[in-house]
């Protein structure tokens, strides 16, 4: 059975600090895995079934400055 734990904070600032410490204690691959899980859940809720665990989308926009 999966364990569930709760942290009760006294303020929003304390809750943010707890979240920051929690995620910074994880390895980069664990953090990416958590983001990917959130991404998959989002696509499930939106009814998009074609998304997979391929990874995060990478988008590059090239913007040219106006000459002048």
PDB file of N, CA and C in Angstrom:
ATOM      1  N   UNK A   1       0.842  -1.183   0.000  1.00  0.00           N
ATOM      2  CA  UNK A   1       0.000   0.000   0.000  1.00  0.00           C
ATOM      3  C   UNK A   1       0.885   1.244   0.000  1.00  0.00           C
ATOM      4  N   UNK A   2       0.511   2.222  -0.794  1.00  0.00           N
ATOM      5  CA  UNK A   2       1.288   3.440  -0.913  1.00  0.00           C
ATOM      6  C   UNK A   2       1.075   4.340   0.297  1.00  0.00           C
ATOM      7  N   UNK A   3       2.188   4.891   0.803  1.00  0.00           N
ATOM      8  CA  UNK A   3       2.103   5.796   1.943  1.00  0.00           C
ATOM      9  C   UNK A   3       1.745   7.198   1.467  1.00  0.00           C
ATOM     10  N   UNK A   4       0.911   7.852   2.236  1.00  0.00           N
ATOM     11  CA  UNK A   4       0.545   9.240   1.980  1.00  0.00           C
ATOM     12  C   UNK A   4       0.908  10.040   3.215  1.00  0.00           C
ATOM     13  N   UNK A   5       1.614  11.151   3.027  1.00  0.00           N
ATOM     14  CA  UNK A   5       1.969  11.987   4.164  1.00  0.00           C
ATOM     15  C   UNK A   5       1.532  13.413   3.896  1.00  0.00           C
ATOM     16  N   UNK A   6       1.323  14.134   4.973  1.00  0.00           N
ATOM     17  CA  UNK A   6       0.791  15.492   4.896  1.00  0.00           C
ATOM     18  C   UNK A   6       1.691  16.411   5.715  1.00  0.00           C
ATOM     19  N   UNK A   7       1.928  17.594   5.202  1.00  0.00           N
ATOM     20  CA  UNK A   7       2.656  18.621   5.949  1.00  0.00           C
ATOM     21  C   UNK A   7       1.693  19.777   6.175  1.00  0.00           C
ATOM     22  N   UNK A   8       1.465  20.109   7.431  1.00  0.00           N
ATOM     23  CA  UNK A   8       0.567  21.210   7.764  1.00  0.00           C
ATOM     24  C   UNK A   8       1.413  22.446   8.053  1.00  0.00           C
ATOM     25  N   UNK A   9       1.254  23.471   7.228  1.00  0.00           N
ATOM     26  CA  UNK A   9       2.041  24.691   7.365  1.00  0.00           C
ATOM     27  C   UNK A   9       1.224  25.774   8.068  1.00  0.00           C
ATOM     28  N   UNK A  10       1.933  26.675   8.705  1.00  0.00           N
ATOM     29  CA  UNK A  10       1.266  27.772   9.410  1.00  0.00           C
ATOM     30  C   UNK A  10       0.988  28.961   8.498  1.00  0.00           C
ATOM     31  N   UNK A  11       1.685  29.005   7.358  1.00  0.00           N
ATOM     32  CA  UNK A  11       1.496  30.124   6.427  1.00  0.00           C
ATOM     33  C   UNK A  11       1.832  29.664   5.011  1.00  0.00           C
ATOM     34  N   UNK A  12       1.463  30.475   4.032  1.00  0.00           N
ATOM     35  CA  UNK A  12       1.790  30.157   2.646  1.00  0.00           C
ATOM     36  C   UNK A  12       3.300  30.172   2.435  1.00  0.00           C
ATOM     37  N   UNK A  13       3.973  31.104   3.071  1.00  0.00           N
ATOM     38  CA  UNK A  13       5.433  31.198   2.939  1.00  0.00           C
ATOM     39  C   UNK A  13       6.094  29.923   3.468  1.00  0.00           C
ATOM     40  N   UNK A  14       5.638  29.441   4.618  1.00  0.00           N
ATOM     41  CA  UNK A  14       6.189  28.210   5.180  1.00  0.00           C
ATOM     42  C   UNK A  14       5.913  27.021   4.259  1.00  0.00           C
ATOM     43  N   UNK A  15       4.736  26.992   3.662  1.00  0.00           N
ATOM     44  CA  UNK A  15       4.396  25.914   2.733  1.00  0.00           C
ATOM     45  C   UNK A  15       5.289  25.958   1.499  1.00  0.00           C
ATOM     46  N   UNK A  16       5.558  27.154   0.984  1.00  0.00           N
ATOM     47  CA  UNK A  16       6.444  27.295  -0.175  1.00  0.00           C
ATOM     48  C   UNK A  16       7.853  26.840   0.164  1.00  0.00           C
ATOM     49  N   UNK A  17       8.331  27.203   1.342  1.00  0.00           N
ATOM     50  CA  UNK A  17       9.678  26.789   1.758  1.00  0.00           C
ATOM     51  C   UNK A  17       9.754  25.267   1.885  1.00  0.00           C
ATOM     52  N   UNK A  18       8.711  24.664   2.431  1.00  0.00           N
ATOM     53  CA  UNK A  18       8.688  23.212   2.555  1.00  0.00           C
ATOM     54  C   UNK A  18       8.724  22.559   1.179  1.00  0.00           C
ATOM     55  N   UNK A  19       7.908  23.066   0.248  1.00  0.00           N
ATOM     56  CA  UNK A  19       7.885  22.523  -1.118  1.00  0.00           C
ATOM     57  C   UNK A  19       9.246  22.657  -1.783  1.00  0.00           C
ATOM     58  N   UNK A  20       9.867  23.833  -1.633  1.00  0.00           N
ATOM     59  CA  UNK A  20      11.187  24.048  -2.232  1.00  0.00           C
ATOM     60  C   UNK A  20      12.210  23.055  -1.694  1.00  0.00           C
ATOM     61  N   UNK A  21      12.234  22.885  -0.388  1.00  0.00           N
ATOM     62  CA  UNK A  21      13.184  21.947   0.227  1.00  0.00           C
ATOM     63  C   UNK A  21      12.901  20.511  -0.215  1.00  0.00           C
ATOM     64  N   UNK A  22      11.629  20.175  -0.296  1.00  0.00           N
ATOM     65  CA  UNK A  22      11.245  18.817  -0.699  1.00  0.00           C
ATOM     66  C   UNK A  22      11.750  18.495  -2.101  1.00  0.00           C
ATOM     67  N   UNK A  23      11.492  19.401  -3.048  1.00  0.00           N
ATOM     68  CA  UNK A  23      11.886  19.132  -4.426  1.00  0.00           C
ATOM     69  C   UNK A  23      13.387  19.274  -4.646  1.00  0.00           C
ATOM     70  N   UNK A  24      14.049  20.157  -3.924  1.00  0.00           N
ATOM     71  CA  UNK A  24      15.496  20.297  -4.083  1.00  0.00           C
ATOM     72  C   UNK A  24      16.244  19.093  -3.504  1.00  0.00           C
ATOM     73  N   UNK A  25      15.612  18.364  -2.588  1.00  0.00           N
ATOM     74  CA  UNK A  25      16.237  17.170  -2.025  1.00  0.00           C
ATOM     75  C   UNK A  25      16.187  15.994  -2.999  1.00  0.00           C
ATOM     76  N   UNK A  26      15.335  16.083  -4.003  1.00  0.00           N
ATOM     77  CA  UNK A  26      15.224  15.024  -5.008  1.00  0.00           C
ATOM     78  C   UNK A  26      16.308  15.192  -6.071  1.00  0.00           C
ATOM     79  N   UNK A  27      16.613  14.099  -6.744  1.00  0.00           N
ATOM     80  CA  UNK A  27      17.582  14.172  -7.840  1.00  0.00           C
ATOM     81  C   UNK A  27      16.914  14.816  -9.056  1.00  0.00           C
ATOM     82  N   UNK A  28      17.710  15.341  -9.975  1.00  0.00           N
ATOM     83  CA  UNK A  28      17.112  15.948 -11.180  1.00  0.00           C
ATOM     84  C   UNK A  28      16.230  14.969 -11.955  1.00  0.00           C
ATOM     85  N   UNK A  29      16.611  13.714 -12.028  1.00  0.00           N
ATOM     86  CA  UNK A  29      15.785  12.751 -12.761  1.00  0.00           C
ATOM     87  C   UNK A  29      14.466  12.491 -12.046  1.00  0.00           C
ATOM     88  N   UNK A  30      14.459  12.507 -10.716  1.00  0.00           N
ATOM     89  CA  UNK A  30      13.211  12.348  -9.964  1.00  0.00           C
ATOM     90  C   UNK A  30      12.291  13.556 -10.181  1.00  0.00           C
ATOM     91  N   UNK A  31      12.877  14.747 -10.229  1.00  0.00           N
ATOM     92  CA  UNK A  31      12.070  15.945 -10.457  1.00  0.00           C
ATOM     93  C   UNK A  31      11.458  15.927 -11.850  1.00  0.00           C
ATOM     94  N   UNK A  32      12.237  15.510 -12.857  1.00  0.00           N
ATOM     95  CA  UNK A  32      11.692  15.408 -14.209  1.00  0.00           C
ATOM     96  C   UNK A  32      10.591  14.366 -14.280  1.00  0.00           C
ATOM     97  N   UNK A  33      10.771  13.267 -13.560  1.00  0.00           N
ATOM     98  CA  UNK A  33       9.748  12.228 -13.539  1.00  0.00           C
ATOM     99  C   UNK A  33       8.454  12.757 -12.921  1.00  0.00           C
ATOM    100  N   UNK A  34       8.572  13.559 -11.871  1.00  0.00           N
ATOM    101  CA  UNK A  34       7.388  14.161 -11.247  1.00  0.00           C
ATOM    102  C   UNK A  34       6.678  15.110 -12.213  1.00  0.00           C
ATOM    103  N   UNK A  35       7.458  15.907 -12.936  1.00  0.00           N
ATOM    104  CA  UNK A  35       6.875  16.822 -13.920  1.00  0.00           C
ATOM    105  C   UNK A  35       6.179  16.038 -15.022  1.00  0.00           C
ATOM    106  N   UNK A  36       6.818  14.953 -15.460  1.00  0.00           N
ATOM    107  CA  UNK A  36       6.226  14.139 -16.518  1.00  0.00           C
ATOM    108  C   UNK A  36       4.916  13.514 -16.045  1.00  0.00           C
ATOM    109  N   UNK A  37       4.867  13.065 -14.792  1.00  0.00           N
ATOM    110  CA  UNK A  37       3.637  12.499 -14.237  1.00  0.00           C
ATOM    111  C   UNK A  37       2.518  13.547 -14.243  1.00  0.00           C
ATOM    112  N   UNK A  38       2.844  14.764 -13.811  1.00  0.00           N
ATOM    113  CA  UNK A  38       1.847  15.847 -13.819  1.00  0.00           C
ATOM    114  C   UNK A  38       1.380  16.126 -15.243  1.00  0.00           C
ATOM    115  N   UNK A  39       2.305  16.096 -16.179  1.00  0.00           N
ATOM    116  CA  UNK A  39       1.971  16.334 -17.582  1.00  0.00           C
ATOM    117  C   UNK A  39       1.024  15.265 -18.103  1.00  0.00           C
ATOM    118  N   UNK A  40       1.304  14.001 -17.779  1.00  0.00           N
ATOM    119  CA  UNK A  40       0.449  12.897 -18.226  1.00  0.00           C
ATOM    120  C   UNK A  40      -0.952  12.999 -17.617  1.00  0.00           C
ATOM    121  N   UNK A  41      -1.021  13.344 -16.328  1.00  0.00           N
ATOM    122  CA  UNK A  41      -2.320  13.494 -15.681  1.00  0.00           C
ATOM    123  C   UNK A  41      -3.116  14.628 -16.318  1.00  0.00           C
ATOM    124  N   UNK A  42      -2.434  15.716 -16.658  1.00  0.00           N
ATOM    125  CA  UNK A  42      -3.092  16.844 -17.318  1.00  0.00           C
ATOM    126  C   UNK A  42      -3.686  16.391 -18.652  1.00  0.00           C
ATOM    127  N   UNK A  43      -2.899  15.665 -19.454  1.00  0.00           N
ATOM    128  CA  UNK A  43      -3.391  15.224 -20.759  1.00  0.00           C
ATOM    129  C   UNK A  43      -4.526  14.222 -20.614  1.00  0.00           C
ATOM    130  N   UNK A  44      -4.487  13.403 -19.573  1.00  0.00           N
ATOM    131  CA  UNK A  44      -5.598  12.476 -19.319  1.00  0.00           C
ATOM    132  C   UNK A  44      -6.878  13.251 -19.029  1.00  0.00           C
ATOM    133  N   UNK A  45      -6.767  14.269 -18.182  1.00  0.00           N
ATOM    134  CA  UNK A  45      -7.938  15.072 -17.840  1.00  0.00           C
ATOM    135  C   UNK A  45      -8.502  15.806 -19.046  1.00  0.00           C
ATOM    136  N   UNK A  46      -7.626  16.209 -19.948  1.00  0.00           N
ATOM    137  CA  UNK A  46      -8.054  16.930 -21.148  1.00  0.00           C
ATOM    138  C   UNK A  46      -8.489  15.980 -22.263  1.00  0.00           C
ATOM    139  N   UNK A  47      -8.341  14.670 -22.055  1.00  0.00           N
ATOM    140  CA  UNK A  47      -8.785  13.699 -23.046  1.00  0.00           C
ATOM    141  C   UNK A  47      -7.834  13.496 -24.204  1.00  0.00           C
ATOM    142  N   UNK A  48      -6.594  13.864 -24.033  1.00  0.00           N
ATOM    143  CA  UNK A  48      -5.596  13.679 -25.087  1.00  0.00           C
ATOM    144  C   UNK A  48      -4.872  12.355 -24.842  1.00  0.00           C
ATOM    145  N   UNK A  49      -5.079  11.401 -25.703  1.00  0.00           N
ATOM    146  CA  UNK A  49      -4.497  10.080 -25.494  1.00  0.00           C
ATOM    147  C   UNK A  49      -3.219   9.866 -26.284  1.00  0.00           C
ATOM    148  N   UNK A  50      -2.880  10.753 -27.190  1.00  0.00           N
ATOM    149  CA  UNK A  50      -1.713  10.559 -28.025  1.00  0.00           C
ATOM    150  C   UNK A  50      -0.408  10.956 -27.344  1.00  0.00           C
ATOM    151  N   UNK A  51      -0.491  11.623 -26.210  1.00  0.00           N
ATOM    152  CA  UNK A  51       0.720  12.029 -25.507  1.00  0.00           C
ATOM    153  C   UNK A  51       1.331  10.821 -24.803  1.00  0.00           C
ATOM    154  N   UNK A  52       2.625  10.772 -24.777  1.00  0.00           N
ATOM    155  CA  UNK A  52       3.309   9.641 -24.157  1.00  0.00           C
ATOM    156  C   UNK A  52       4.424  10.141 -23.248  1.00  0.00           C
ATOM    157  N   UNK A  53       5.214   9.214 -22.735  1.00  0.00           N
ATOM    158  CA  UNK A  53       6.328   9.558 -21.860  1.00  0.00           C
ATOM    159  C   UNK A  53       7.582   9.882 -22.657  1.00  0.00           C
ATOM    160  N   UNK A  54       7.419  10.376 -23.868  1.00  0.00           N
ATOM    161  CA  UNK A  54       8.579  10.711 -24.689  1.00  0.00           C
ATOM    162  C   UNK A  54       9.408  11.816 -24.052  1.00  0.00           C
ATOM    163  N   UNK A  55       8.806  12.641 -23.287  1.00  0.00           N
ATOM    164  CA  UNK A  55       9.539  13.722 -22.636  1.00  0.00           C
ATOM    165  C   UNK A  55       8.858  15.057 -22.847  1.00  0.00           C
ATOM    166  N   UNK A  56       9.472  16.071 -22.301  1.00  0.00           N
ATOM    167  CA  UNK A  56       8.930  17.408 -22.411  1.00  0.00           C
ATOM    168  C   UNK A  56       9.135  17.933 -23.826  1.00  0.00           C
ATOM    169  N   UNK A  57       8.217  18.720 -24.282  1.00  0.00           N
ATOM    170  CA  UNK A  57       8.352  19.327 -25.599  1.00  0.00           C
ATOM    171  C   UNK A  57       9.411  20.411 -25.552  1.00  0.00           C
ATOM    172  N   UNK A  58      10.144  20.497 -26.618  1.00  0.00           N
ATOM    173  CA  UNK A  58      11.149  21.540 -26.724  1.00  0.00           C
ATOM    174  C   UNK A  58      10.747  22.457 -27.874  1.00  0.00           C
ATOM    175  N   UNK A  59      10.590  23.720 -27.565  1.00  0.00           N
ATOM    176  CA  UNK A  59      10.146  24.685 -28.564  1.00  0.00           C
ATOM    177  C   UNK A  59      11.159  25.813 -28.616  1.00  0.00           C
ATOM    178  N   UNK A  60      11.557  26.145 -29.831  1.00  0.00           N
ATOM    179  CA  UNK A  60      12.478  27.268 -30.029  1.00  0.00           C
ATOM    180  C   UNK A  60      11.800  28.253 -30.965  1.00  0.00           C
ATOM    181  N   UNK A  61      11.755  29.489 -30.562  1.00  0.00           N
ATOM    182  CA  UNK A  61      11.204  30.537 -31.423  1.00  0.00           C
ATOM    183  C   UNK A  61      12.342  31.468 -31.810  1.00  0.00           C
ATOM    184  N   UNK A  62      12.473  31.692 -33.078  1.00  0.00           N
ATOM    185  CA  UNK A  62      13.487  32.615 -33.584  1.00  0.00           C
ATOM    186  C   UNK A  62      12.793  33.935 -33.890  1.00  0.00           C
ATOM    187  N   UNK A  63      13.230  34.971 -33.228  1.00  0.00           N
ATOM    188  CA  UNK A  63      12.626  36.293 -33.397  1.00  0.00           C
ATOM    189  C   UNK A  63      13.681  37.217 -33.967  1.00  0.00           C
ATOM    190  N   UNK A  64      13.345  37.864 -35.061  1.00  0.00           N
ATOM    191  CA  UNK A  64      14.277  38.819 -35.659  1.00  0.00           C
ATOM    192  C   UNK A  64      13.889  40.213 -35.217  1.00  0.00           C
ATOM    193  N   UNK A  65      14.911  40.972 -34.857  1.00  0.00           N
ATOM    194  CA  UNK A  65      14.665  42.361 -34.456  1.00  0.00           C
ATOM    195  C   UNK A  65      14.437  43.223 -35.689  1.00  0.00           C
ATOM    196  N   UNK A  66      13.610  44.205 -35.525  1.00  0.00           N
ATOM    197  CA  UNK A  66      13.347  45.126 -36.633  1.00  0.00           C
ATOM    198  C   UNK A  66      14.595  45.924 -36.951  1.00  0.00           C
ATOM    199  N   UNK A  67      14.886  46.081 -38.223  1.00  0.00           N
ATOM    200  CA  UNK A  67      16.029  46.856 -38.666  1.00  0.00           C
ATOM    201  C   UNK A  67      15.706  48.337 -38.537  1.00  0.00           C
ATOM    202  N   UNK A  68      16.585  49.078 -37.958  1.00  0.00           N
ATOM    203  CA  UNK A  68      16.229  50.479 -37.970  1.00  0.00           C
ATOM    204  C   UNK A  68      16.950  51.272 -37.021  1.00  0.00           C
TER     205      UNK A  68
END
